[in-house]
Amino acid sequence: MEIRQYIRLIWRWLWLIILGAIIAGGTAYVISKNTVPIYRASSRLLIDEAPGSGSNNEYAELLVEQRLTQTYLQILSTRPVMEETITRLNLPYTPEQLAAKVSASSPQDTQIIIISVEDPNPELAAQIANTLGEVFIEQNRERESLRYAEPIQNWETRLDEIGNEIQAIETEINALGTPETPEEEAELSRKDTKLKELQIQYTEAFNNLNQLRVSQAKESSNIVPIEPAQPPQRPIRPRTFTNTIMATIIGGMVALGFVFLMEYLDDTIKTPDDVLADTNLPTLGAIAFIKGSAPNQRLITHHTPRDPISEAYRVLRTNLTFSAVDSELHSLLITSSSPGEGKSTTTANLAVVMAQTGKQVILVDADLRRPTQHKIFQLSNNQGLTTAILDSLTPVSYHLQKTRVPGLRVMTSGPIPPNPAELLNSHRMKQVLEALQQEADLIIFDTPPVLTVADAAILAPRVNGCVVVAEAGSTRRPLFLQAIERLARTGTNLYGVVMNRSKPGRASYYDDYYYYATYEYVEGRRKKRRRRSRSLLPGWITAIIKR
């Protein structure tokens, strides 16, 4: 498929693409407007790492920082933090529900923690974010203090014990007073020595305790809030405008995809290019849809000869004449692949335009199963082809009926027989055909569809050539190709194809016939019809604008 064909396809289904976009966009807008808005509040914490926790290896220090940050992010979502936050704010949530509303993250290469909370209430979202930070900081301090709690407590206990011993020794020394005997002097000397030892032990214990406290201060990382959460002014979702635009685009794309899918699955004959590519047969003409429910209203070439559709039939006549340039055209068979493709209407109008050139034309309704020509020309069907075959004593001309079109006579089907194929394949039918050729310059046969019965295949080898009618956009390609193949096996000379009920934009250059300036007679006055300009908008949009 060429680019211009894609453009033509999109243009033909533009209404569906626009409709899909409008429906999707409108649905997204309504849903977004009726969705409860969700607000997001965020607070920021800084990990103030202890100066003594680093190492001389920069890479190792970086790994420690990253692991510490990731550890804090995981701790933030733990159940104790959620439970304490729920208790402080008296929230109507379970820890799991609150955890679903909270997210913690850290920008790359930073020691900043971002706590984000989503909630329909913007003020409550900000309170939860700030309270979570406070609870996390307090619990982190408690964990840090537990690392040195036991050794510090041991040294504090040891200091108290030594202090009590020193106090007891000093009391004993004071009770001895001035020694009067050598024994008292020796006892006093012993107690002084003991006091000095206890004082030295107290100093060592005190220094060890201070060293532990200094180490605790150096190795404990401190977390401080740097930006408290503020109640947000706008919700983060739903984003009505964004959702509507995205849904509109997606809806249009889905509709476009559906159009391409339909085109891919559509196996009908749509354009003359399809006919040429599949069968190598030319398209002799493209006929638009003829309005009118009654059969006689379809004879447009007689009732309104200046209509563009009548002009299309004259183009068909010209192309058919050129197709038979090697041999004079005396007999022509018109058929289709399936019923309802407009072969009878095409046959009747082609017979009219042929007769308008001054030729003597006979139209034979060889469709002995569902005859139509007598309805189109409003003729009696009491006699016709079947009576001519069965009555060998009466001249064939007796079974012909004149029409209102000069030079055109019609042989209707006559009474419908029980064995149409046997009649058409009989020797008498061959005699009827020879007699008809003596009566007119051109004989046109209207036959049943090729794939329905064998009638068309029986008559096709007995005429100069055959034209197959295909309804644009309805005739299925496999059936059409099967009909062409069946006719070709009979040795039929296939002149080409007529695209019936062709729609503008499908029949390639044949569309131009419908837009050329034509003339029509109104109340005896010659009136020129202006050339219709092609609108750049689809017909349904143009109709709305004209209103």
Protein backbone atom coordinates (compact mmCIF):
# COMPACT_ATOMS: atom_id res chain seq x y z
CA MET A 1 0.00 0.00 0.00
CA GLU A 2 1.40 3.35 -1.05
CA ILE A 3 1.52 6.46 1.09
CA ARG A 4 -1.30 8.11 -0.82
CA GLN A 5 -3.45 5.06 -0.19
CA TYR A 6 -2.75 5.30 3.53
CA ILE A 7 -3.68 8.97 3.43
CA ARG A 8 -6.87 8.16 1.53
CA LEU A 9 -7.72 5.43 4.01
CA ILE A 10 -7.20 7.75 6.98
CA TRP A 11 -9.23 10.46 5.28
CA ARG A 12 -12.11 8.08 4.62
CA TRP A 13 -12.20 6.93 8.24
CA LEU A 14 -11.31 10.29 9.78
CA TRP A 15 -14.74 10.51 11.38
CA LEU A 16 -14.10 7.26 13.25
CA ILE A 17 -10.66 8.40 14.41
CA ILE A 18 -12.09 11.70 15.67
CA LEU A 19 -15.00 9.90 17.32
CA GLY A 20 -12.64 7.49 19.09
CA ALA A 21 -10.50 10.38 20.32
CA ILE A 22 -13.54 12.30 21.57
CA ILE A 23 -15.02 9.29 23.38
CA ALA A 24 -11.70 8.39 25.03
CA GLY A 25 -10.94 11.98 25.99
CA GLY A 26 -14.44 12.59 27.30
CA THR A 27 -14.40 9.40 29.34
CA ALA A 28 -11.03 10.28 30.86
CA TYR A 29 -12.27 13.79 31.69
CA VAL A 30 -15.42 12.52 33.43
CA ILE A 31 -13.51 9.86 35.39
CA SER A 32 -10.82 12.36 36.44
CA LYS A 33 -13.40 14.89 37.56
CA ASN A 34 -15.19 12.29 39.70
CA THR A 35 -12.02 10.85 41.24
CA VAL A 36 -11.08 11.92 44.80
CA PRO A 37 -8.00 14.19 44.54
CA ILE A 38 -4.84 12.95 46.24
CA TYR A 39 -2.28 15.37 47.72
CA ARG A 40 1.39 14.70 48.41
CA ALA A 41 3.39 16.36 51.18
CA SER A 42 7.15 15.82 51.59
CA SER A 43 9.64 16.49 54.36
CA ARG A 44 13.43 16.31 54.09
CA LEU A 45 15.94 14.92 56.59
CA LEU A 46 19.74 15.20 56.53
CA ILE A 47 21.99 12.35 57.65
CA ASP A 48 24.72 14.18 59.55
CA GLU A 49 27.29 11.41 59.63
CA ALA A 50 29.58 11.22 62.65
CA PRO A 51 33.09 12.57 61.94
CA GLY A 52 34.75 9.52 63.41
CA SER A 53 32.78 6.94 61.45
CA GLY A 54 34.70 7.35 58.20
CA SER A 55 37.79 5.53 57.00
CA ASN A 56 40.86 6.41 55.07
CA ASN A 57 39.53 4.55 52.03
CA GLU A 58 37.24 6.89 50.08
CA TYR A 59 35.55 4.06 48.17
CA ALA A 60 34.82 2.18 51.37
CA GLU A 61 33.52 5.36 52.96
CA LEU A 62 31.19 5.89 49.97
CA LEU A 63 29.84 2.36 50.26
CA VAL A 64 29.20 2.86 53.96
CA GLU A 65 27.26 6.08 53.27
CA GLN A 66 25.12 4.42 50.60
CA ARG A 67 24.37 1.42 52.79
CA LEU A 68 23.54 3.64 55.74
CA THR A 69 21.12 5.68 53.65
CA GLN A 70 19.42 2.56 52.28
CA THR A 71 19.19 1.16 55.79
CA TYR A 72 17.47 4.30 57.05
CA LEU A 73 15.01 4.16 54.11
CA GLN A 74 14.04 0.63 55.07
CA ILE A 75 13.71 1.48 58.76
CA LEU A 76 11.34 4.34 57.91
CA SER A 77 8.73 1.89 56.62
CA THR A 78 8.91 -0.49 59.59
CA ARG A 79 5.92 -1.21 61.79
CA PRO A 80 7.24 0.48 64.98
CA VAL A 81 7.61 3.80 63.18
CA MET A 82 4.09 3.52 61.72
CA GLU A 83 2.53 2.51 65.02
CA GLU A 84 4.10 5.39 66.93
CA THR A 85 3.01 7.86 64.24
CA ILE A 86 -0.57 6.53 64.36
CA THR A 87 -0.57 6.83 68.15
CA ARG A 88 0.68 10.42 68.18
CA LEU A 89 -1.74 11.68 65.51
CA ASN A 90 -4.62 9.34 66.45
CA LEU A 91 -4.95 8.27 62.83
CA PRO A 92 -7.80 5.99 61.64
CA TYR A 93 -5.34 3.79 59.76
CA THR A 94 -3.67 0.47 60.38
CA PRO A 95 0.15 0.31 60.08
CA GLU A 96 -0.25 -1.42 56.71
CA GLN A 97 -2.63 1.26 55.42
CA LEU A 98 -0.34 4.04 56.57
CA ALA A 99 2.70 2.32 55.04
CA ALA A 100 0.86 2.24 51.69
CA LYS A 101 0.56 6.02 51.81
CA VAL A 102 4.22 6.62 52.70
CA SER A 103 7.25 6.50 50.43
CA ALA A 104 10.87 7.27 51.32
CA SER A 105 13.61 8.02 48.85
CA SER A 106 17.06 9.52 48.65
CA PRO A 107 18.40 11.57 45.71
CA GLN A 108 21.45 9.97 44.15
CA ASP A 109 24.84 10.89 45.63
CA THR A 110 23.25 12.71 48.60
CA GLN A 111 22.63 12.01 52.28
CA ILE A 112 19.15 13.49 52.18
CA ILE A 113 16.04 11.46 52.93
CA ILE A 114 12.72 12.55 51.43
CA ILE A 115 9.60 11.36 53.23
CA SER A 116 6.48 11.66 51.04
CA VAL A 117 2.92 11.04 52.18
CA GLU A 118 -0.16 10.87 49.94
CA ASP A 119 -3.59 11.55 51.38
CA PRO A 120 -6.89 13.15 50.32
CA ASN A 121 -6.40 15.70 53.14
CA PRO A 122 -3.44 18.02 52.36
CA GLU A 123 -3.04 19.20 55.99
CA LEU A 124 -3.06 15.64 57.31
CA ALA A 125 -0.52 14.58 54.69
CA ALA A 126 1.88 17.29 55.92
CA GLN A 127 1.34 16.33 59.57
CA ILE A 128 2.03 12.66 58.88
CA ALA A 129 5.22 13.47 56.93
CA ASN A 130 6.57 15.67 59.76
CA THR A 131 5.56 13.25 62.52
CA LEU A 132 7.16 10.32 60.71
CA GLY A 133 10.44 12.26 60.62
CA GLU A 134 10.24 13.08 64.32
CA VAL A 135 9.46 9.49 65.31
CA PHE A 136 12.26 8.16 63.12
CA ILE A 137 14.80 10.59 64.59
CA GLU A 138 13.84 9.73 68.16
CA GLN A 139 13.93 5.98 67.59
CA ASN A 140 17.25 6.27 65.78
CA ARG A 141 18.74 8.13 68.75
CA GLU A 142 17.54 5.39 71.06
CA ARG A 143 19.18 2.75 68.89
CA GLU A 144 22.43 4.69 68.77
CA SER A 145 22.51 5.10 72.53
CA LEU A 146 22.07 1.37 73.10
CA ARG A 147 25.40 0.63 71.44
CA TYR A 148 27.40 2.09 74.41
CA ALA A 149 24.75 1.83 77.13
CA GLU A 150 26.07 -1.33 78.78
CA PRO A 151 29.81 -0.42 78.97
CA ILE A 152 28.97 3.11 80.12
CA GLN A 153 26.65 1.72 82.76
CA ASN A 154 29.39 -0.69 83.91
CA TRP A 155 31.94 2.06 84.32
CA GLU A 156 29.42 4.31 86.07
CA THR A 157 28.71 1.46 88.50
CA ARG A 158 32.44 0.95 89.00
CA LEU A 159 32.91 4.65 89.72
CA ASP A 160 30.18 4.51 92.32
CA GLU A 161 31.76 1.48 93.96
CA ILE A 162 35.22 3.09 94.06
CA GLY A 163 33.75 6.34 95.34
CA ASN A 164 32.01 4.49 98.16
CA GLU A 165 35.24 2.71 99.09
CA ILE A 166 37.15 6.02 99.09
CA GLN A 167 34.53 7.58 101.29
CA ALA A 168 34.73 4.62 103.72
CA ILE A 169 38.54 4.77 103.89
CA GLU A 170 38.46 8.53 104.54
CA THR A 171 35.95 7.98 107.36
CA GLU A 172 38.20 5.35 108.92
CA ILE A 173 41.26 7.65 108.64
CA ASN A 174 39.36 10.48 110.30
CA ALA A 175 38.28 8.13 113.08
CA LEU A 176 41.92 7.13 113.87
CA GLY A 177 42.97 10.71 114.45
CA THR A 178 46.60 11.25 115.58
CA PRO A 179 48.38 7.91 116.07
CA GLU A 180 49.83 7.43 119.57
CA THR A 181 51.26 4.00 119.26
CA PRO A 182 53.36 2.34 116.61
CA GLU A 183 50.46 0.03 115.78
CA GLU A 184 48.14 3.00 115.17
CA GLU A 185 50.76 4.69 113.04
CA ALA A 186 51.21 1.53 110.94
CA GLU A 187 47.41 1.21 110.51
CA LEU A 188 47.15 4.85 109.40
CA SER A 189 49.96 4.36 106.92
CA ARG A 190 48.24 1.29 105.48
CA LYS A 191 44.95 3.13 105.08
CA ASP A 192 46.65 6.10 103.37
CA THR A 193 48.19 3.72 100.89
CA LYS A 194 44.80 2.10 100.25
CA LEU A 195 43.19 5.52 99.73
CA LYS A 196 45.78 6.50 97.13
CA GLU A 197 45.23 3.24 95.23
CA LEU A 198 41.48 3.84 95.23
CA GLN A 199 41.94 7.39 94.00
CA ILE A 200 44.12 6.14 91.13
CA GLN A 201 41.48 3.52 90.22
CA TYR A 202 38.75 6.17 90.34
CA THR A 203 40.73 8.41 87.98
CA GLU A 204 41.27 5.55 85.52
CA ALA A 205 37.56 4.58 85.62
CA PHE A 206 36.53 8.18 85.14
CA ASN A 207 38.86 8.53 82.13
CA ASN A 208 37.52 5.31 80.59
CA LEU A 209 33.94 6.50 81.02
CA ASN A 210 34.71 9.81 79.36
CA GLN A 211 36.49 8.00 76.53
CA LEU A 212 33.39 5.86 75.93
CA ARG A 213 31.19 8.93 75.85
CA VAL A 214 33.51 10.66 73.40
CA SER A 215 33.55 7.56 71.17
CA GLN A 216 29.77 7.43 71.32
CA ALA A 217 29.52 11.02 70.23
CA LYS A 218 32.01 10.50 67.40
CA GLU A 219 30.54 7.29 66.01
CA SER A 220 26.83 8.13 66.26
CA SER A 221 25.24 9.59 63.08
CA ASN A 222 22.80 12.39 63.73
CA ILE A 223 19.62 12.92 61.69
CA VAL A 224 18.25 16.42 61.55
CA PRO A 225 15.17 17.84 59.75
CA ILE A 226 16.12 20.42 57.13
CA GLU A 227 12.74 21.08 55.48
CA PRO A 228 9.39 20.37 57.15
CA ALA A 229 6.43 19.37 55.01
CA GLN A 230 3.89 22.01 54.02
CA PRO A 231 0.25 21.38 53.02
CA PRO A 232 0.24 21.13 49.19
CA GLN A 233 -1.95 23.49 47.20
CA ARG A 234 -2.59 21.21 44.18
CA PRO A 235 -3.31 17.48 44.01
CA ILE A 236 -0.85 15.17 42.29
CA ARG A 237 -3.71 13.13 40.81
CA PRO A 238 -5.90 12.94 39.01
CA ARG A 239 -4.30 15.22 36.44
CA THR A 240 -7.44 16.03 34.55
CA PHE A 241 -5.85 17.95 31.68
CA THR A 242 -3.01 15.47 31.18
CA ASN A 243 -5.31 12.47 31.43
CA THR A 244 -7.73 13.98 28.94
CA ILE A 245 -5.01 14.81 26.42
CA MET A 246 -3.36 11.40 26.76
CA ALA A 247 -6.67 9.57 26.51
CA THR A 248 -7.60 11.60 23.44
CA ILE A 249 -4.32 10.70 21.74
CA ILE A 250 -4.58 7.05 22.74
CA GLY A 251 -8.22 6.90 21.66
CA GLY A 252 -7.32 8.31 18.26
CA MET A 253 -4.43 5.87 17.93
CA VAL A 254 -6.63 2.92 18.92
CA ALA A 255 -9.23 4.00 16.37
CA LEU A 256 -6.50 4.37 13.76
CA GLY A 257 -5.22 0.91 14.60
CA PHE A 258 -8.76 -0.43 14.32
CA VAL A 259 -9.05 1.20 10.89
CA PHE A 260 -5.83 -0.45 9.72
CA LEU A 261 -7.01 -3.76 11.17
CA MET A 262 -10.31 -3.51 9.31
CA GLU A 263 -8.45 -2.62 6.14
CA TYR A 264 -6.13 -5.59 6.63
CA LEU A 265 -9.03 -7.97 7.25
CA ASP A 266 -11.11 -6.46 4.45
CA ASP A 267 -10.73 -8.79 1.48
CA THR A 268 -13.09 -6.90 -0.84
CA ILE A 269 -12.35 -5.31 -4.19
CA LYS A 270 -12.26 -1.57 -3.62
CA THR A 271 -10.34 0.13 -6.40
CA PRO A 272 -9.36 -0.43 -10.04
CA ASP A 273 -5.81 -0.89 -8.79
CA ASP A 274 -7.00 -3.96 -6.85
CA VAL A 275 -8.57 -5.40 -10.00
CA LEU A 276 -5.45 -4.78 -12.07
CA ALA A 277 -3.14 -6.24 -9.43
CA ASP A 278 -5.25 -9.39 -8.89
CA THR A 279 -6.45 -10.19 -12.41
CA ASN A 280 -4.41 -8.01 -14.78
CA LEU A 281 -7.76 -6.86 -16.22
CA PRO A 282 -8.55 -3.20 -16.89
CA THR A 283 -11.39 -1.38 -15.21
CA LEU A 284 -13.65 -0.20 -17.99
CA GLY A 285 -15.71 2.13 -15.84
CA ALA A 286 -16.65 3.17 -12.34
CA ILE A 287 -20.36 3.67 -11.71
CA ALA A 288 -21.67 5.46 -8.66
CA PHE A 289 -24.66 4.30 -6.64
CA ILE A 290 -27.96 4.95 -8.42
CA LYS A 291 -30.69 6.17 -6.09
CA GLY A 292 -34.20 4.78 -6.38
CA SER A 293 -35.98 1.79 -4.93
CA ALA A 294 -38.12 0.88 -7.96
CA PRO A 295 -36.37 -1.12 -10.72
CA ASN A 296 -37.43 1.33 -13.47
CA GLN A 297 -35.76 4.20 -11.56
CA ARG A 298 -32.38 2.58 -12.13
CA LEU A 299 -32.50 3.31 -15.87
CA ILE A 300 -30.69 6.58 -15.29
CA THR A 301 -29.18 6.85 -18.77
CA HIS A 302 -32.69 7.18 -20.22
CA HIS A 303 -34.39 9.26 -17.54
CA THR A 304 -31.51 11.70 -16.83
CA PRO A 305 -29.00 11.41 -19.66
CA ARG A 306 -27.06 14.47 -18.46
CA ASP A 307 -26.39 13.07 -15.02
CA PRO A 308 -22.72 12.38 -14.18
CA ILE A 309 -23.59 8.71 -13.70
CA SER A 310 -24.97 8.61 -17.24
CA GLU A 311 -21.70 10.15 -18.38
CA ALA A 312 -19.88 7.34 -16.55
CA TYR A 313 -21.86 4.79 -18.59
CA ARG A 314 -20.85 6.58 -21.78
CA VAL A 315 -17.23 6.35 -20.64
CA LEU A 316 -17.83 2.62 -20.11
CA ARG A 317 -19.18 2.41 -23.65
CA THR A 318 -16.10 4.15 -25.05
CA ASN A 319 -13.65 1.98 -23.11
CA LEU A 320 -15.53 -1.15 -24.15
CA THR A 321 -15.31 -0.10 -27.81
CA PHE A 322 -11.55 0.36 -27.48
CA SER A 323 -11.22 -3.03 -25.78
CA ALA A 324 -12.85 -4.71 -28.80
CA VAL A 325 -10.82 -2.78 -31.37
CA ASP A 326 -9.24 -5.93 -32.84
CA SER A 327 -12.61 -7.48 -33.69
CA GLU A 328 -16.00 -5.88 -34.14
CA LEU A 329 -18.22 -6.21 -31.10
CA HIS A 330 -21.46 -8.04 -32.01
CA SER A 331 -22.30 -9.86 -28.78
CA LEU A 332 -21.47 -9.15 -25.16
CA LEU A 333 -22.15 -11.02 -21.93
CA ILE A 334 -22.36 -9.22 -18.60
CA THR A 335 -22.20 -11.13 -15.33
CA SER A 336 -20.87 -10.92 -11.77
CA SER A 337 -19.37 -13.22 -9.18
CA SER A 338 -22.26 -13.10 -6.69
CA PRO A 339 -25.86 -11.87 -6.60
CA GLY A 340 -26.71 -8.27 -5.77
CA GLU A 341 -23.69 -6.60 -7.36
CA GLY A 342 -25.72 -4.59 -9.88
CA LYS A 343 -25.09 -6.53 -13.11
CA SER A 344 -28.68 -6.18 -14.37
CA THR A 345 -28.71 -2.40 -13.82
CA THR A 346 -25.33 -2.11 -15.52
CA THR A 347 -26.54 -4.21 -18.45
CA ALA A 348 -29.70 -2.13 -18.94
CA ASN A 349 -27.91 1.24 -18.84
CA LEU A 350 -25.10 0.02 -21.08
CA ALA A 351 -27.68 -1.15 -23.62
CA VAL A 352 -29.29 2.31 -23.56
CA VAL A 353 -26.03 4.21 -24.17
CA MET A 354 -25.12 1.74 -26.92
CA ALA A 355 -28.44 2.39 -28.62
CA GLN A 356 -27.94 6.15 -28.27
CA THR A 357 -25.02 5.89 -30.71
CA GLY A 358 -27.45 4.81 -33.45
CA LYS A 359 -26.80 1.07 -33.24
CA GLN A 360 -29.53 -1.53 -33.24
CA VAL A 361 -29.19 -3.18 -29.84
CA ILE A 362 -30.96 -6.20 -28.40
CA LEU A 363 -30.85 -6.80 -24.67
CA VAL A 364 -31.43 -10.47 -23.76
CA ASP A 365 -32.37 -11.29 -20.18
CA ALA A 366 -30.65 -14.66 -19.90
CA ASP A 367 -31.09 -14.77 -16.15
CA LEU A 368 -33.75 -17.46 -16.19
CA ARG A 369 -33.78 -17.76 -12.41
CA ARG A 370 -34.21 -14.20 -11.16
CA PRO A 371 -35.06 -12.08 -14.23
CA THR A 372 -35.06 -8.30 -13.79
CA GLN A 373 -34.97 -6.58 -17.19
CA HIS A 374 -38.76 -6.66 -17.68
CA LYS A 375 -39.11 -4.74 -14.40
CA ILE A 376 -36.48 -2.17 -15.36
CA PHE A 377 -38.05 -1.48 -18.77
CA GLN A 378 -41.61 -2.08 -17.50
CA LEU A 379 -42.36 -4.79 -20.05
CA SER A 380 -44.46 -7.94 -20.06
CA ASN A 381 -42.67 -11.17 -19.27
CA ASN A 382 -45.20 -13.53 -20.81
CA GLN A 383 -42.86 -14.26 -23.69
CA GLY A 384 -39.14 -13.97 -24.13
CA LEU A 385 -36.03 -16.14 -24.26
CA THR A 386 -37.67 -19.31 -22.96
CA THR A 387 -40.58 -19.09 -25.42
CA ALA A 388 -38.15 -18.37 -28.26
CA ILE A 389 -36.16 -21.50 -27.39
CA LEU A 390 -39.23 -23.69 -27.06
CA ASP A 391 -41.09 -22.28 -30.09
CA SER A 392 -38.96 -23.10 -33.09
CA LEU A 393 -41.76 -22.35 -35.57
CA THR A 394 -42.17 -18.68 -34.69
CA PRO A 395 -39.53 -16.15 -35.81
CA VAL A 396 -37.24 -14.95 -33.05
CA SER A 397 -38.21 -11.36 -33.71
CA TYR A 398 -41.70 -12.17 -32.50
CA HIS A 399 -40.32 -12.59 -28.97
CA LEU A 400 -38.62 -9.18 -28.94
CA GLN A 401 -40.25 -6.14 -27.35
CA LYS A 402 -39.67 -2.52 -28.22
CA THR A 403 -38.69 0.02 -25.56
CA ARG A 404 -38.93 3.78 -25.26
CA VAL A 405 -35.27 4.00 -26.23
CA PRO A 406 -34.91 4.25 -30.02
CA GLY A 407 -32.91 1.34 -31.44
CA LEU A 408 -33.18 -0.78 -28.30
CA ARG A 409 -35.28 -3.94 -28.11
CA VAL A 410 -35.47 -6.31 -25.17
CA MET A 411 -35.95 -10.05 -25.08
CA THR A 412 -37.14 -10.68 -21.57
CA SER A 413 -36.57 -14.02 -19.88
CA GLY A 414 -40.09 -15.27 -20.42
CA PRO A 415 -41.67 -17.83 -18.10
CA ILE A 416 -39.10 -19.25 -15.67
CA PRO A 417 -38.27 -22.84 -16.66
CA PRO A 418 -37.35 -25.71 -14.31
CA ASN A 419 -34.14 -26.44 -16.26
CA PRO A 420 -32.44 -23.12 -17.25
CA ALA A 421 -28.97 -24.61 -17.78
CA GLU A 422 -30.27 -27.27 -20.19
CA LEU A 423 -32.15 -24.67 -22.24
CA LEU A 424 -29.11 -22.36 -22.52
CA ASN A 425 -26.89 -25.29 -23.50
CA SER A 426 -29.29 -26.58 -26.12
CA HIS A 427 -28.82 -26.52 -29.89
CA ARG A 428 -31.95 -24.38 -30.18
CA MET A 429 -30.27 -21.69 -28.05
CA LYS A 430 -27.46 -21.57 -30.59
CA GLN A 431 -30.03 -21.05 -33.36
CA VAL A 432 -31.69 -18.27 -31.36
CA LEU A 433 -28.34 -16.54 -30.93
CA GLU A 434 -27.64 -16.72 -34.67
CA ALA A 435 -31.09 -15.33 -35.45
CA LEU A 436 -30.62 -12.46 -33.01
CA GLN A 437 -27.32 -11.52 -34.66
CA GLN A 438 -29.26 -11.03 -37.88
CA GLU A 439 -31.65 -8.67 -36.14
CA ALA A 440 -29.21 -6.21 -34.51
CA ASP A 441 -25.73 -4.74 -34.49
CA LEU A 442 -25.08 -5.66 -30.86
CA ILE A 443 -26.58 -8.26 -28.53
CA ILE A 444 -26.05 -7.87 -24.78
CA PHE A 445 -26.79 -10.80 -22.47
CA ASP A 446 -27.67 -10.38 -18.81
CA THR A 447 -26.72 -13.68 -17.14
CA PRO A 448 -26.81 -15.03 -13.57
CA PRO A 449 -23.72 -14.74 -11.34
CA VAL A 450 -20.84 -17.00 -12.34
CA LEU A 451 -20.42 -18.73 -8.99
CA THR A 452 -24.11 -19.26 -8.36
CA VAL A 453 -25.02 -21.36 -11.41
CA ALA A 454 -23.37 -22.52 -14.62
CA ASP A 455 -25.51 -20.36 -16.95
CA ALA A 456 -22.90 -17.65 -17.50
CA ALA A 457 -20.14 -20.20 -18.15
CA ILE A 458 -22.39 -21.89 -20.75
CA LEU A 459 -23.11 -18.71 -22.72
CA ALA A 460 -19.73 -17.01 -22.36
CA PRO A 461 -17.89 -18.98 -25.08
CA ARG A 462 -20.69 -18.20 -27.59
CA VAL A 463 -20.27 -14.40 -27.47
CA ASN A 464 -17.48 -12.04 -28.52
CA GLY A 465 -16.54 -11.09 -24.99
CA CYS A 466 -17.51 -10.78 -21.36
CA VAL A 467 -17.61 -7.99 -18.77
CA VAL A 468 -17.66 -8.76 -15.04
CA VAL A 469 -19.44 -6.39 -12.66
CA ALA A 470 -17.96 -5.99 -9.15
CA GLU A 471 -19.45 -3.92 -6.36
CA ALA A 472 -16.77 -1.67 -4.90
CA GLY A 473 -16.16 -2.42 -1.26
CA SER A 474 -18.52 -5.42 -1.18
CA THR A 475 -17.32 -8.01 -3.69
CA ARG A 476 -14.95 -10.35 -1.88
CA ARG A 477 -11.60 -10.83 -3.56
CA PRO A 478 -11.53 -14.67 -3.31
CA LEU A 479 -14.98 -14.98 -4.91
CA PHE A 480 -14.12 -12.42 -7.58
CA LEU A 481 -10.91 -14.22 -8.49
CA GLN A 482 -12.73 -17.55 -8.54
CA ALA A 483 -15.31 -16.12 -10.96
CA ILE A 484 -12.61 -14.73 -13.26
CA GLU A 485 -10.80 -18.06 -13.18
CA ARG A 486 -13.96 -19.99 -14.00
CA LEU A 487 -14.71 -17.75 -16.99
CA ALA A 488 -11.12 -17.97 -18.17
CA ARG A 489 -11.29 -21.78 -18.18
CA THR A 490 -14.15 -21.59 -20.68
CA GLY A 491 -11.99 -19.66 -23.14
CA THR A 492 -14.02 -16.48 -22.71
CA ASN A 493 -12.60 -13.22 -23.97
CA LEU A 494 -12.63 -11.03 -20.86
CA TYR A 495 -12.77 -7.34 -21.79
CA GLY A 496 -12.51 -6.02 -18.26
CA VAL A 497 -14.36 -5.13 -15.09
CA VAL A 498 -16.98 -2.54 -14.16
CA MET A 499 -16.71 -1.13 -10.63
CA ASN A 500 -20.32 -0.63 -9.59
CA ARG A 501 -21.59 1.51 -6.73
CA SER A 502 -18.17 3.10 -6.52
CA LYS A 503 -17.68 5.63 -3.77
CA PRO A 504 -15.70 8.87 -4.18
CA GLY A 505 -12.12 8.42 -3.03
CA ARG A 506 -12.04 4.72 -3.93
CA ALA A 507 -12.18 4.57 -7.68
CA SER A 508 -8.95 6.44 -8.33
CA TYR A 509 -9.06 8.69 -11.34
CA TYR A 510 -12.56 7.51 -12.30
CA ASP A 511 -13.94 9.77 -9.57
CA ASP A 512 -13.29 12.74 -11.78
CA TYR A 513 -16.23 11.81 -13.96
CA TYR A 514 -18.55 12.68 -11.13
CA TYR A 515 -17.20 16.17 -10.68
CA TYR A 516 -16.93 17.44 -14.24
CA ALA A 517 -19.31 20.20 -15.27
CA THR A 518 -22.44 18.74 -16.83
CA TYR A 519 -25.52 20.22 -18.40
CA GLU A 520 -29.10 19.50 -17.59
CA TYR A 521 -32.37 20.80 -18.96
CA VAL A 522 -34.79 22.27 -16.45
CA GLU A 523 -38.23 23.40 -17.65
CA GLY A 524 -37.01 23.63 -21.24
CA ARG A 525 -34.11 25.93 -20.36
CA ARG A 526 -30.47 24.90 -20.63
CA LYS A 527 -28.87 25.22 -17.23
CA LYS A 528 -25.21 24.72 -16.49
CA ARG A 529 -24.38 22.82 -13.36
CA ARG A 530 -21.32 24.13 -11.62
CA ARG A 531 -18.47 21.83 -10.93
CA ARG A 532 -18.68 20.54 -7.41
CA SER A 533 -15.61 21.38 -5.38
CA ARG A 534 -14.21 18.78 -3.08
CA SER A 535 -14.41 19.77 0.53
CA LEU A 536 -11.35 19.36 2.69
CA LEU A 537 -13.59 18.12 5.50
CA PRO A 538 -15.57 14.90 5.77
CA GLY A 539 -19.16 15.09 4.63
CA TRP A 540 -20.69 14.84 8.11
CA ILE A 541 -18.59 17.79 9.36
CA THR A 542 -19.49 19.84 6.27
CA ALA A 543 -23.17 19.15 6.86
CA ILE A 544 -22.92 20.43 10.44
CA ILE A 545 -21.17 23.61 9.28
CA LYS A 546 -23.82 24.27 6.63
CA ARG A 547 -26.54 24.13 9.27
